[in-house]
Amino acid sequence: MTDTTGFGGGHPRHGQLGYLQLPAVEVAASAAFYGAVFGWTTETGQDGFTAPGLIGQWTTRRTPSTDAGALLWLCVDDLYRTLHQVTARGGVVRTAPYLDGGERWLAEVDDPAGNRIGLVAPARVTQPQTLIAVRDVEAASRWYQELLGLVSDHGGPHYERLLADGTLVLQLHRDETEHDHGRIRDATQPVGNGMLLWFGETSDFDGVVTRAAALGAEVVRGPVRNPPPGEGNGPAHRELWLRDPDGYTVVIASPDGEAHEPAAPSDH
């Protein structure tokens, strides 16, 4: 029998939130907002919705609540993208994000009907988010997208953000664009001197090698095993060293251990 309850076919546990009615001014607008921002699903022409671990209904018979009573807090994976989706889909950000206990970011927003809801996003550890100066942002973006399968998160001729599985891994900034910080590269100095753009844990390493050839990328070194064959198993990956269109040295590395050399067969 097909489960239509959203709870694995059984009644929710005692004390568990089991059903949610959300006031709406226009059901279609609310369904589109919660679908785009939180991934909730609503069948076309219906007023019932399904959310992770929860089912519910949009209703025009109840008055939207901006600040009275209980507040519904929804967990999100990425604060930046969620806030942009909220505003793009007709919602309004009502409070600036604030850090709660060093563990989570909180913010309050209004949905298109005016209901106040809270957002809970994880606080992440500091991570590298490399930015390089390039002559042509859009051309460089296309090159990295084609080579590595990265996804544009900004676009335009002056600045670009490139993502891998939703994580920011590279920023591109036009050489001549100063914004409010001045030029970020001295054009009289060598490009990327003393720096490598390193993209590790690349599962589709063989595909990258093929795409690099198709792009006509200058190969500096490789593909090679690190360390060379017969010299141990750390980090035991393969590397391809390239020059990108602006002259930066780019290293693509397969996952550590991918090129592990097994022990020789025992004579016993």
C-alpha atoms as a PDB file:
ATOM      1  CA  MET A   1       0.000   0.000   0.000  1.00  0.00           C
ATOM      2  CA  THR A   2       1.313   3.453  -0.868  1.00  0.00           C
ATOM      3  CA  ASP A   3       2.134   5.665   2.115  1.00  0.00           C
ATOM      4  CA  THR A   4       0.244   8.964   1.823  1.00  0.00           C
ATOM      5  CA  THR A   5       0.727  10.181   5.375  1.00  0.00           C
ATOM      6  CA  GLY A   6       4.313  11.398   5.119  1.00  0.00           C
ATOM      7  CA  PHE A   7       5.171   9.483   8.314  1.00  0.00           C
ATOM      8  CA  GLY A   8       6.156   6.061   6.994  1.00  0.00           C
ATOM      9  CA  GLY A   9       2.582   4.766   7.097  1.00  0.00           C
ATOM     10  CA  GLY A  10       2.083   5.135  10.866  1.00  0.00           C
ATOM     11  CA  HIS A  11       0.661   7.701  13.238  1.00  0.00           C
ATOM     12  CA  PRO A  12       3.228  10.294  14.462  1.00  0.00           C
ATOM     13  CA  ARG A  13       4.771   9.736  17.884  1.00  0.00           C
ATOM     14  CA  HIS A  14       3.059  11.221  20.931  1.00  0.00           C
ATOM     15  CA  GLY A  15       4.083  14.869  21.167  1.00  0.00           C
ATOM     16  CA  GLN A  16       5.438  15.058  17.616  1.00  0.00           C
ATOM     17  CA  LEU A  17       4.266  17.858  15.351  1.00  0.00           C
ATOM     18  CA  GLY A  18       1.932  16.011  13.003  1.00  0.00           C
ATOM     19  CA  TYR A  19       0.170  18.530  10.786  1.00  0.00           C
ATOM     20  CA  LEU A  20       0.710  22.175   9.958  1.00  0.00           C
ATOM     21  CA  GLN A  21      -1.772  24.692   8.628  1.00  0.00           C
ATOM     22  CA  LEU A  22      -0.144  27.771   7.168  1.00  0.00           C
ATOM     23  CA  PRO A  23      -2.232  30.862   6.333  1.00  0.00           C
ATOM     24  CA  ALA A  24      -1.981  31.998   2.729  1.00  0.00           C
ATOM     25  CA  VAL A  25      -3.303  34.959   0.786  1.00  0.00           C
ATOM     26  CA  GLU A  26      -2.710  33.163  -2.525  1.00  0.00           C
ATOM     27  CA  VAL A  27      -2.119  29.415  -2.241  1.00  0.00           C
ATOM     28  CA  ALA A  28      -0.110  29.276  -5.479  1.00  0.00           C
ATOM     29  CA  ALA A  29       2.248  32.047  -4.328  1.00  0.00           C
ATOM     30  CA  SER A  30       2.858  30.382  -0.959  1.00  0.00           C
ATOM     31  CA  ALA A  31       3.361  26.971  -2.570  1.00  0.00           C
ATOM     32  CA  ALA A  32       5.891  28.437  -5.025  1.00  0.00           C
ATOM     33  CA  PHE A  33       7.756  30.248  -2.221  1.00  0.00           C
ATOM     34  CA  TYR A  34       8.096  27.233   0.096  1.00  0.00           C
ATOM     35  CA  GLY A  35       8.910  24.971  -2.840  1.00  0.00           C
ATOM     36  CA  ALA A  36      11.745  27.189  -4.087  1.00  0.00           C
ATOM     37  CA  VAL A  37      13.208  28.133  -0.694  1.00  0.00           C
ATOM     38  CA  PHE A  38      12.708  24.936   1.336  1.00  0.00           C
ATOM     39  CA  GLY A  39      11.946  22.199  -1.198  1.00  0.00           C
ATOM     40  CA  TRP A  40       8.365  21.559  -0.019  1.00  0.00           C
ATOM     41  CA  THR A  41       6.078  19.946  -2.587  1.00  0.00           C
ATOM     42  CA  THR A  42       2.495  20.881  -3.441  1.00  0.00           C
ATOM     43  CA  GLU A  43       0.481  19.152  -6.143  1.00  0.00           C
ATOM     44  CA  THR A  44      -0.838  21.516  -8.803  1.00  0.00           C
ATOM     45  CA  GLY A  45      -4.328  22.705  -7.933  1.00  0.00           C
ATOM     46  CA  GLN A  46      -4.150  21.282  -4.399  1.00  0.00           C
ATOM     47  CA  ASP A  47      -3.749  23.025  -1.035  1.00  0.00           C
ATOM     48  CA  GLY A  48      -1.915  20.234   0.796  1.00  0.00           C
ATOM     49  CA  PHE A  49       1.876  20.173   1.014  1.00  0.00           C
ATOM     50  CA  THR A  50       4.591  17.734   2.009  1.00  0.00           C
ATOM     51  CA  ALA A  51       7.721  18.858   3.873  1.00  0.00           C
ATOM     52  CA  PRO A  52      10.551  16.776   5.390  1.00  0.00           C
ATOM     53  CA  GLY A  53       8.891  14.720   8.166  1.00  0.00           C
ATOM     54  CA  LEU A  54       5.718  16.806   7.964  1.00  0.00           C
ATOM     55  CA  ILE A  55       2.526  17.251   5.969  1.00  0.00           C
ATOM     56  CA  GLY A  56       0.202  20.218   6.008  1.00  0.00           C
ATOM     57  CA  GLN A  57      -2.156  22.531   4.223  1.00  0.00           C
ATOM     58  CA  TRP A  58      -2.244  26.061   2.913  1.00  0.00           C
ATOM     59  CA  THR A  59      -5.393  27.830   4.120  1.00  0.00           C
ATOM     60  CA  THR A  60      -6.972  31.166   3.282  1.00  0.00           C
ATOM     61  CA  ARG A  61      -9.339  30.805   6.253  1.00  0.00           C
ATOM     62  CA  ARG A  62      -6.730  31.796   8.839  1.00  0.00           C
ATOM     63  CA  THR A  63      -5.020  35.159   9.248  1.00  0.00           C
ATOM     64  CA  PRO A  64      -1.271  35.340   8.561  1.00  0.00           C
ATOM     65  CA  SER A  65       0.765  36.045  11.696  1.00  0.00           C
ATOM     66  CA  THR A  66       3.739  38.385  11.675  1.00  0.00           C
ATOM     67  CA  ASP A  67       4.797  38.353  15.325  1.00  0.00           C
ATOM     68  CA  ALA A  68       2.150  36.809  17.571  1.00  0.00           C
ATOM     69  CA  GLY A  69       2.326  33.416  19.268  1.00  0.00           C
ATOM     70  CA  ALA A  70       4.573  30.522  18.315  1.00  0.00           C
ATOM     71  CA  LEU A  71       7.304  30.986  15.713  1.00  0.00           C
ATOM     72  CA  LEU A  72       8.090  28.240  13.190  1.00  0.00           C
ATOM     73  CA  TRP A  73      11.864  27.775  12.727  1.00  0.00           C
ATOM     74  CA  LEU A  74      12.978  25.986   9.547  1.00  0.00           C
ATOM     75  CA  CYS A  75      16.435  24.486   9.078  1.00  0.00           C
ATOM     76  CA  VAL A  76      18.340  25.480   5.920  1.00  0.00           C
ATOM     77  CA  ASP A  77      21.695  24.342   4.546  1.00  0.00           C
ATOM     78  CA  ASP A  78      23.059  27.681   3.340  1.00  0.00           C
ATOM     79  CA  LEU A  79      22.248  31.090   4.839  1.00  0.00           C
ATOM     80  CA  TYR A  80      23.389  33.202   1.872  1.00  0.00           C
ATOM     81  CA  ARG A  81      21.470  31.331  -0.827  1.00  0.00           C
ATOM     82  CA  THR A  82      18.336  30.972   1.312  1.00  0.00           C
ATOM     83  CA  LEU A  83      18.110  34.697   2.059  1.00  0.00           C
ATOM     84  CA  HIS A  84      18.475  35.460  -1.657  1.00  0.00           C
ATOM     85  CA  GLN A  85      15.772  32.903  -2.489  1.00  0.00           C
ATOM     86  CA  VAL A  86      13.463  34.420   0.122  1.00  0.00           C
ATOM     87  CA  THR A  87      13.634  37.882  -1.453  1.00  0.00           C
ATOM     88  CA  ALA A  88      13.546  36.538  -5.021  1.00  0.00           C
ATOM     89  CA  ARG A  89      10.316  34.637  -4.300  1.00  0.00           C
ATOM     90  CA  GLY A  90       8.355  37.462  -2.718  1.00  0.00           C
ATOM     91  CA  GLY A  91       9.441  37.149   0.902  1.00  0.00           C
ATOM     92  CA  VAL A  92      11.028  39.795   3.132  1.00  0.00           C
ATOM     93  CA  VAL A  93      14.057  39.465   5.434  1.00  0.00           C
ATOM     94  CA  ARG A  94      13.024  41.060   8.738  1.00  0.00           C
ATOM     95  CA  THR A  95      16.095  40.616  10.976  1.00  0.00           C
ATOM     96  CA  ALA A  96      19.786  40.645  10.192  1.00  0.00           C
ATOM     97  CA  PRO A  97      21.327  37.174  10.710  1.00  0.00           C
ATOM     98  CA  TYR A  98      22.837  36.689  14.154  1.00  0.00           C
ATOM     99  CA  LEU A  99      25.044  33.965  15.606  1.00  0.00           C
ATOM    100  CA  ASP A 100      23.465  31.816  18.305  1.00  0.00           C
ATOM    101  CA  GLY A 101      25.892  30.186  20.711  1.00  0.00           C
ATOM    102  CA  GLY A 102      28.569  29.970  18.021  1.00  0.00           C
ATOM    103  CA  GLU A 103      26.718  26.980  16.539  1.00  0.00           C
ATOM    104  CA  ARG A 104      24.005  28.340  14.248  1.00  0.00           C
ATOM    105  CA  TRP A 105      22.896  31.452  12.367  1.00  0.00           C
ATOM    106  CA  LEU A 106      19.348  32.691  12.977  1.00  0.00           C
ATOM    107  CA  ALA A 107      17.254  35.104  10.930  1.00  0.00           C
ATOM    108  CA  GLU A 108      13.561  35.944  10.727  1.00  0.00           C
ATOM    109  CA  VAL A 109      11.732  36.404   7.426  1.00  0.00           C
ATOM    110  CA  ASP A 110       8.160  36.919   6.232  1.00  0.00           C
ATOM    111  CA  ASP A 111       6.692  34.643   3.574  1.00  0.00           C
ATOM    112  CA  PRO A 112       4.566  36.146   0.731  1.00  0.00           C
ATOM    113  CA  ALA A 113       1.402  35.942   2.882  1.00  0.00           C
ATOM    114  CA  GLY A 114       3.079  37.790   5.764  1.00  0.00           C
ATOM    115  CA  ASN A 115       3.718  34.838   8.083  1.00  0.00           C
ATOM    116  CA  ARG A 116       6.845  35.348  10.182  1.00  0.00           C
ATOM    117  CA  ILE A 117       9.160  32.296  10.094  1.00  0.00           C
ATOM    118  CA  GLY A 118      12.651  31.698  11.428  1.00  0.00           C
ATOM    119  CA  LEU A 119      15.646  30.327   9.547  1.00  0.00           C
ATOM    120  CA  VAL A 120      18.306  28.168  11.203  1.00  0.00           C
ATOM    121  CA  ALA A 121      21.574  27.706   9.284  1.00  0.00           C
ATOM    122  CA  PRO A 122      24.689  25.869  10.506  1.00  0.00           C
ATOM    123  CA  ALA A 123      27.759  27.882  11.491  1.00  0.00           C
ATOM    124  CA  ARG A 124      30.674  26.529   9.477  1.00  0.00           C
ATOM    125  CA  VAL A 125      34.400  26.453  10.165  1.00  0.00           C
ATOM    126  CA  THR A 126      36.689  28.877   8.350  1.00  0.00           C
ATOM    127  CA  GLN A 127      37.558  27.569   4.891  1.00  0.00           C
ATOM    128  CA  PRO A 128      39.595  28.780   1.915  1.00  0.00           C
ATOM    129  CA  GLN A 129      37.641  30.652  -0.768  1.00  0.00           C
ATOM    130  CA  THR A 130      40.297  31.516  -3.343  1.00  0.00           C
ATOM    131  CA  LEU A 131      39.882  34.690  -5.428  1.00  0.00           C
ATOM    132  CA  ILE A 132      42.002  35.390  -8.510  1.00  0.00           C
ATOM    133  CA  ALA A 133      42.241  38.385 -10.825  1.00  0.00           C
ATOM    134  CA  VAL A 134      41.499  37.598 -14.480  1.00  0.00           C
ATOM    135  CA  ARG A 135      41.308  39.523 -17.747  1.00  0.00           C
ATOM    136  CA  ASP A 136      37.885  38.196 -18.779  1.00  0.00           C
ATOM    137  CA  VAL A 137      35.638  36.943 -15.976  1.00  0.00           C
ATOM    138  CA  GLU A 138      33.032  35.330 -18.216  1.00  0.00           C
ATOM    139  CA  ALA A 139      35.607  33.499 -20.346  1.00  0.00           C
ATOM    140  CA  ALA A 140      37.467  32.271 -17.246  1.00  0.00           C
ATOM    141  CA  SER A 141      34.176  31.152 -15.722  1.00  0.00           C
ATOM    142  CA  ARG A 142      33.313  29.106 -18.797  1.00  0.00           C
ATOM    143  CA  TRP A 143      36.792  27.507 -18.769  1.00  0.00           C
ATOM    144  CA  TYR A 144      36.539  26.380 -15.130  1.00  0.00           C
ATOM    145  CA  GLN A 145      32.939  25.257 -15.541  1.00  0.00           C
ATOM    146  CA  GLU A 146      33.861  23.131 -18.558  1.00  0.00           C
ATOM    147  CA  LEU A 147      37.025  21.705 -17.001  1.00  0.00           C
ATOM    148  CA  LEU A 148      35.723  20.911 -13.524  1.00  0.00           C
ATOM    149  CA  GLY A 149      31.935  20.979 -13.807  1.00  0.00           C
ATOM    150  CA  LEU A 150      31.689  23.980 -11.483  1.00  0.00           C
ATOM    151  CA  VAL A 151      28.451  25.976 -11.337  1.00  0.00           C
ATOM    152  CA  SER A 152      28.063  29.749 -11.595  1.00  0.00           C
ATOM    153  CA  ASP A 153      26.570  31.410  -8.518  1.00  0.00           C
ATOM    154  CA  HIS A 154      26.844  35.015  -9.653  1.00  0.00           C
ATOM    155  CA  GLY A 155      27.746  35.678 -13.286  1.00  0.00           C
ATOM    156  CA  GLY A 156      28.601  38.905 -15.066  1.00  0.00           C
ATOM    157  CA  PRO A 157      31.694  40.629 -16.500  1.00  0.00           C
ATOM    158  CA  HIS A 158      33.180  41.902 -13.222  1.00  0.00           C
ATOM    159  CA  TYR A 159      32.900  39.136 -10.624  1.00  0.00           C
ATOM    160  CA  GLU A 160      32.002  35.440 -10.435  1.00  0.00           C
ATOM    161  CA  ARG A 161      31.466  32.799  -7.753  1.00  0.00           C
ATOM    162  CA  LEU A 162      31.938  29.149  -8.770  1.00  0.00           C
ATOM    163  CA  LEU A 163      30.478  26.289  -6.735  1.00  0.00           C
ATOM    164  CA  ALA A 164      31.099  22.544  -6.442  1.00  0.00           C
ATOM    165  CA  ASP A 165      28.167  20.667  -4.901  1.00  0.00           C
ATOM    166  CA  GLY A 166      26.922  23.947  -3.457  1.00  0.00           C
ATOM    167  CA  THR A 167      30.279  24.900  -1.886  1.00  0.00           C
ATOM    168  CA  LEU A 168      32.159  28.003  -3.012  1.00  0.00           C
ATOM    169  CA  VAL A 169      35.541  26.882  -4.374  1.00  0.00           C
ATOM    170  CA  LEU A 170      36.707  29.755  -6.602  1.00  0.00           C
ATOM    171  CA  GLN A 171      36.066  33.470  -7.096  1.00  0.00           C
ATOM    172  CA  LEU A 172      36.987  35.389 -10.250  1.00  0.00           C
ATOM    173  CA  HIS A 173      37.540  39.154 -10.247  1.00  0.00           C
ATOM    174  CA  ARG A 174      38.144  41.313 -13.310  1.00  0.00           C
ATOM    175  CA  ASP A 175      41.657  42.730 -13.342  1.00  0.00           C
ATOM    176  CA  GLU A 176      40.555  46.294 -14.049  1.00  0.00           C
ATOM    177  CA  THR A 177      37.512  46.461 -11.768  1.00  0.00           C
ATOM    178  CA  GLU A 178      38.315  48.292  -8.555  1.00  0.00           C
ATOM    179  CA  HIS A 179      34.925  48.245  -6.802  1.00  0.00           C
ATOM    180  CA  ASP A 180      35.558  49.907  -3.420  1.00  0.00           C
ATOM    181  CA  HIS A 181      38.911  48.253  -2.677  1.00  0.00           C
ATOM    182  CA  GLY A 182      41.189  49.249  -5.545  1.00  0.00           C
ATOM    183  CA  ARG A 183      42.853  46.875  -7.992  1.00  0.00           C
ATOM    184  CA  ILE A 184      43.690  43.516  -6.462  1.00  0.00           C
ATOM    185  CA  ARG A 185      46.634  42.654  -8.721  1.00  0.00           C
ATOM    186  CA  ASP A 186      49.736  44.545  -9.767  1.00  0.00           C
ATOM    187  CA  ALA A 187      49.818  44.029 -13.533  1.00  0.00           C
ATOM    188  CA  THR A 188      53.607  44.502 -13.579  1.00  0.00           C
ATOM    189  CA  GLN A 189      54.176  41.374 -11.473  1.00  0.00           C
ATOM    190  CA  PRO A 190      54.065  37.700 -12.613  1.00  0.00           C
ATOM    191  CA  VAL A 191      50.637  36.058 -12.497  1.00  0.00           C
ATOM    192  CA  GLY A 192      50.233  33.743  -9.521  1.00  0.00           C
ATOM    193  CA  ASN A 193      53.908  33.728  -8.575  1.00  0.00           C
ATOM    194  CA  GLY A 194      54.338  31.287  -5.685  1.00  0.00           C
ATOM    195  CA  MET A 195      50.710  30.129  -5.775  1.00  0.00           C
ATOM    196  CA  LEU A 196      48.931  27.032  -7.106  1.00  0.00           C
ATOM    197  CA  LEU A 197      45.191  26.715  -7.641  1.00  0.00           C
ATOM    198  CA  TRP A 198      44.728  23.232  -6.214  1.00  0.00           C
ATOM    199  CA  PHE A 199      41.500  21.269  -6.770  1.00  0.00           C
ATOM    200  CA  GLY A 200      41.744  18.032  -4.794  1.00  0.00           C
ATOM    201  CA  GLU A 201      39.392  15.074  -4.298  1.00  0.00           C
ATOM    202  CA  THR A 202      38.411  15.172  -7.986  1.00  0.00           C
ATOM    203  CA  SER A 203      36.605  11.878  -8.589  1.00  0.00           C
ATOM    204  CA  ASP A 204      36.194  12.487 -12.332  1.00  0.00           C
ATOM    205  CA  PHE A 205      39.944  12.852 -12.814  1.00  0.00           C
ATOM    206  CA  ASP A 206      40.018  10.983 -16.132  1.00  0.00           C
ATOM    207  CA  GLY A 207      37.182  13.162 -17.394  1.00  0.00           C
ATOM    208  CA  VAL A 208      39.151  16.282 -16.453  1.00  0.00           C
ATOM    209  CA  VAL A 209      42.142  15.007 -18.435  1.00  0.00           C
ATOM    210  CA  THR A 210      39.903  14.537 -21.476  1.00  0.00           C
ATOM    211  CA  ARG A 211      38.250  17.945 -21.120  1.00  0.00           C
ATOM    212  CA  ALA A 212      41.612  19.681 -20.613  1.00  0.00           C
ATOM    213  CA  ALA A 213      42.757  18.273 -23.949  1.00  0.00           C
ATOM    214  CA  ALA A 214      39.520  19.409 -25.613  1.00  0.00           C
ATOM    215  CA  LEU A 215      40.024  22.911 -24.214  1.00  0.00           C
ATOM    216  CA  GLY A 216      43.586  22.998 -25.561  1.00  0.00           C
ATOM    217  CA  ALA A 217      44.882  23.710 -22.060  1.00  0.00           C
ATOM    218  CA  GLU A 218      48.654  23.956 -21.652  1.00  0.00           C
ATOM    219  CA  VAL A 219      49.838  20.931 -19.667  1.00  0.00           C
ATOM    220  CA  VAL A 220      52.676  21.748 -17.280  1.00  0.00           C
ATOM    221  CA  ARG A 221      53.027  18.241 -15.840  1.00  0.00           C
ATOM    222  CA  GLY A 222      51.205  14.946 -15.822  1.00  0.00           C
ATOM    223  CA  PRO A 223      49.072  13.106 -15.420  1.00  0.00           C
ATOM    224  CA  VAL A 224      51.418  11.668 -12.790  1.00  0.00           C
ATOM    225  CA  ARG A 225      51.103   9.650  -9.607  1.00  0.00           C
ATOM    226  CA  ASN A 226      52.070  11.313  -6.319  1.00  0.00           C
ATOM    227  CA  PRO A 227      54.346   9.804  -5.076  1.00  0.00           C
ATOM    228  CA  PRO A 228      55.832   8.094  -8.134  1.00  0.00           C
ATOM    229  CA  PRO A 229      55.066   4.383  -8.559  1.00  0.00           C
ATOM    230  CA  GLY A 230      56.930   2.178  -6.115  1.00  0.00           C
ATOM    231  CA  GLU A 231      57.567   4.993  -3.606  1.00  0.00           C
ATOM    232  CA  GLY A 232      54.775   4.399  -1.142  1.00  0.00           C
ATOM    233  CA  ASN A 233      51.102   5.142  -0.701  1.00  0.00           C
ATOM    234  CA  GLY A 234      50.856   8.649   0.603  1.00  0.00           C
ATOM    235  CA  PRO A 235      48.899  10.574  -0.639  1.00  0.00           C
ATOM    236  CA  ALA A 236      48.482   8.006  -3.454  1.00  0.00           C
ATOM    237  CA  HIS A 237      46.599  10.202  -5.881  1.00  0.00           C
ATOM    238  CA  ARG A 238      47.109  11.380  -9.464  1.00  0.00           C
ATOM    239  CA  GLU A 239      47.804  14.961 -10.498  1.00  0.00           C
ATOM    240  CA  LEU A 240      47.419  17.037 -13.656  1.00  0.00           C
ATOM    241  CA  TRP A 241      49.172  20.427 -13.737  1.00  0.00           C
ATOM    242  CA  LEU A 242      47.782  23.001 -16.206  1.00  0.00           C
ATOM    243  CA  ARG A 243      47.918  26.683 -17.082  1.00  0.00           C
ATOM    244  CA  ASP A 244      44.548  28.451 -17.138  1.00  0.00           C
ATOM    245  CA  PRO A 245      43.767  31.179 -19.733  1.00  0.00           C
ATOM    246  CA  ASP A 246      45.289  33.874 -17.495  1.00  0.00           C
ATOM    247  CA  GLY A 247      48.498  31.957 -16.809  1.00  0.00           C
ATOM    248  CA  TYR A 248      47.711  30.654 -13.318  1.00  0.00           C
ATOM    249  CA  THR A 249      49.022  27.180 -12.534  1.00  0.00           C
ATOM    250  CA  VAL A 250      46.101  24.841 -11.825  1.00  0.00           C
ATOM    251  CA  VAL A 251      46.545  21.414 -10.223  1.00  0.00           C
ATOM    252  CA  ILE A 252      43.798  18.809 -10.436  1.00  0.00           C
ATOM    253  CA  ALA A 253      44.242  15.905  -8.006  1.00  0.00           C
ATOM    254  CA  SER A 254      42.238  12.704  -7.770  1.00  0.00           C
ATOM    255  CA  PRO A 255      40.999  11.609  -4.298  1.00  0.00           C
ATOM    256  CA  ASP A 256      43.736  10.668  -1.847  1.00  0.00           C
ATOM    257  CA  GLY A 257      44.177   6.889  -1.973  1.00  0.00           C
ATOM    258  CA  GLU A 258      42.687   6.555  -5.473  1.00  0.00           C
ATOM    259  CA  ALA A 259      46.077   5.419  -6.839  1.00  0.00           C
ATOM    260  CA  HIS A 260      46.892   3.127  -3.897  1.00  0.00           C
ATOM    261  CA  GLU A 261      49.313   0.373  -4.867  1.00  0.00           C
ATOM    262  CA  PRO A 262      48.296  -2.972  -3.384  1.00  0.00           C
ATOM    263  CA  ALA A 263      50.835  -5.212  -1.758  1.00  0.00           C
ATOM    264  CA  ALA A 264      52.551  -7.825  -3.918  1.00  0.00           C
ATOM    265  CA  PRO A 265      51.003 -11.307  -3.768  1.00  0.00           C
ATOM    266  CA  SER A 266      52.399 -13.408  -0.945  1.00  0.00           C
ATOM    267  CA  ASP A 267      54.444 -16.480  -1.833  1.00  0.00           C
ATOM    268  CA  HIS A 268      52.854 -18.308   1.090  1.00  0.00           C
END
